[in-house]
Amino acid sequence: MVKVKLMQVVIQPPSLIETGIKVETVNNRPLFKFTDRLQLHLETLLEKNKVNDLTAEEQDELNAINELDRLFTYLNSLLLAQQ
């Protein structure tokens, strides 16, 4: 039996969920991952963040993507534990 911890995540903008998620099979296991487009956007935001060049909107996007990454890590760990 797997114990499930509850976590509340609000992802804004919702388009990240609609266009930024894919399920990829890795070693015969399904895993949630970012699409190539979202991964590239994340890397761009991280580079801008390093030099303190993010707008408020970009900072919100970076925060949302980081939350989505945290959620993926959690969900993927649950999937791996069940197999």
Protein backbone atom coordinates (compact mmCIF):
# COMPACT_ATOMS: atom_id res chain seq x y z
CA MET A 1 0.00 0.00 0.00
CA VAL A 2 1.30 3.43 -0.96
CA LYS A 3 0.66 6.32 1.39
CA VAL A 4 -0.28 9.47 -0.47
CA LYS A 5 0.59 12.90 0.85
CA LEU A 6 -1.71 15.69 -0.19
CA MET A 7 -0.22 18.71 -1.86
CA GLN A 8 -1.91 21.75 -3.28
CA VAL A 9 -0.51 23.12 -6.52
CA VAL A 10 -1.93 25.90 -8.64
CA ILE A 11 -0.33 26.20 -12.06
CA GLN A 12 -0.71 29.52 -13.85
CA PRO A 13 -0.97 30.09 -16.73
CA PRO A 14 -3.16 27.06 -17.48
CA SER A 15 -1.57 26.80 -20.94
CA LEU A 16 1.47 25.21 -19.28
CA ILE A 17 -0.69 22.21 -18.48
CA GLU A 18 -2.30 22.12 -21.92
CA THR A 19 0.87 22.46 -24.01
CA GLY A 20 3.83 21.76 -21.74
CA ILE A 21 3.26 18.19 -20.61
CA LYS A 22 4.05 14.89 -22.24
CA VAL A 23 4.15 11.33 -20.99
CA GLU A 24 7.27 9.56 -22.14
CA THR A 25 8.20 5.92 -21.68
CA VAL A 26 11.61 5.55 -20.07
CA ASN A 27 12.87 2.01 -19.34
CA ASN A 28 9.34 0.70 -19.96
CA ARG A 29 7.89 3.12 -17.42
CA PRO A 30 5.61 6.07 -18.17
CA LEU A 31 6.94 9.35 -16.80
CA PHE A 32 5.62 12.90 -16.88
CA LYS A 33 8.02 15.24 -18.63
CA PHE A 34 8.12 18.73 -20.10
CA THR A 35 7.69 19.10 -23.83
CA ASP A 36 10.81 20.23 -25.67
CA ARG A 37 9.23 23.65 -26.14
CA LEU A 38 8.56 24.13 -22.42
CA GLN A 39 12.01 22.79 -21.49
CA LEU A 40 13.63 25.33 -23.82
CA HIS A 41 11.48 28.11 -22.37
CA LEU A 42 12.46 27.05 -18.84
CA GLU A 43 16.14 27.17 -19.74
CA THR A 44 15.70 30.66 -21.21
CA LEU A 45 13.96 31.86 -18.05
CA LEU A 46 16.67 30.34 -15.86
CA GLU A 47 19.39 32.13 -17.85
CA LYS A 48 17.55 35.44 -17.54
CA ASN A 49 17.05 34.80 -13.83
CA LYS A 50 20.80 34.31 -13.33
CA VAL A 51 21.39 37.90 -14.44
CA ASN A 52 18.30 39.30 -12.67
CA ASP A 53 16.64 40.15 -15.98
CA LEU A 54 13.17 38.62 -15.49
CA THR A 55 10.02 40.68 -15.79
CA ALA A 56 7.34 40.12 -13.16
CA GLU A 57 5.38 38.03 -15.67
CA GLU A 58 8.44 35.91 -16.46
CA GLN A 59 9.09 35.40 -12.74
CA ASP A 60 5.52 34.16 -12.36
CA GLU A 61 6.05 31.79 -15.29
CA LEU A 62 9.29 30.49 -13.78
CA ASN A 63 7.55 29.92 -10.46
CA ALA A 64 4.72 28.04 -12.19
CA ILE A 65 7.12 25.85 -14.16
CA ASN A 66 9.06 25.09 -10.99
CA GLU A 67 5.80 24.04 -9.29
CA LEU A 68 4.98 21.85 -12.27
CA ASP A 69 8.45 20.29 -12.05
CA ARG A 70 7.90 19.60 -8.36
CA LEU A 71 4.56 17.98 -9.16
CA PHE A 72 6.14 15.82 -11.88
CA THR A 73 8.85 14.68 -9.50
CA TYR A 74 6.22 13.66 -6.98
CA LEU A 75 3.95 11.91 -9.50
CA ASN A 76 6.84 10.13 -11.18
CA SER A 77 8.07 8.85 -7.82
CA LEU A 78 4.59 7.44 -7.13
CA LEU A 79 4.51 5.77 -10.54
CA LEU A 80 7.94 4.25 -10.04
CA ALA A 81 7.03 2.99 -6.57
CA GLN A 82 3.98 1.15 -7.91
CA GLN A 83 5.84 -0.77 -10.60
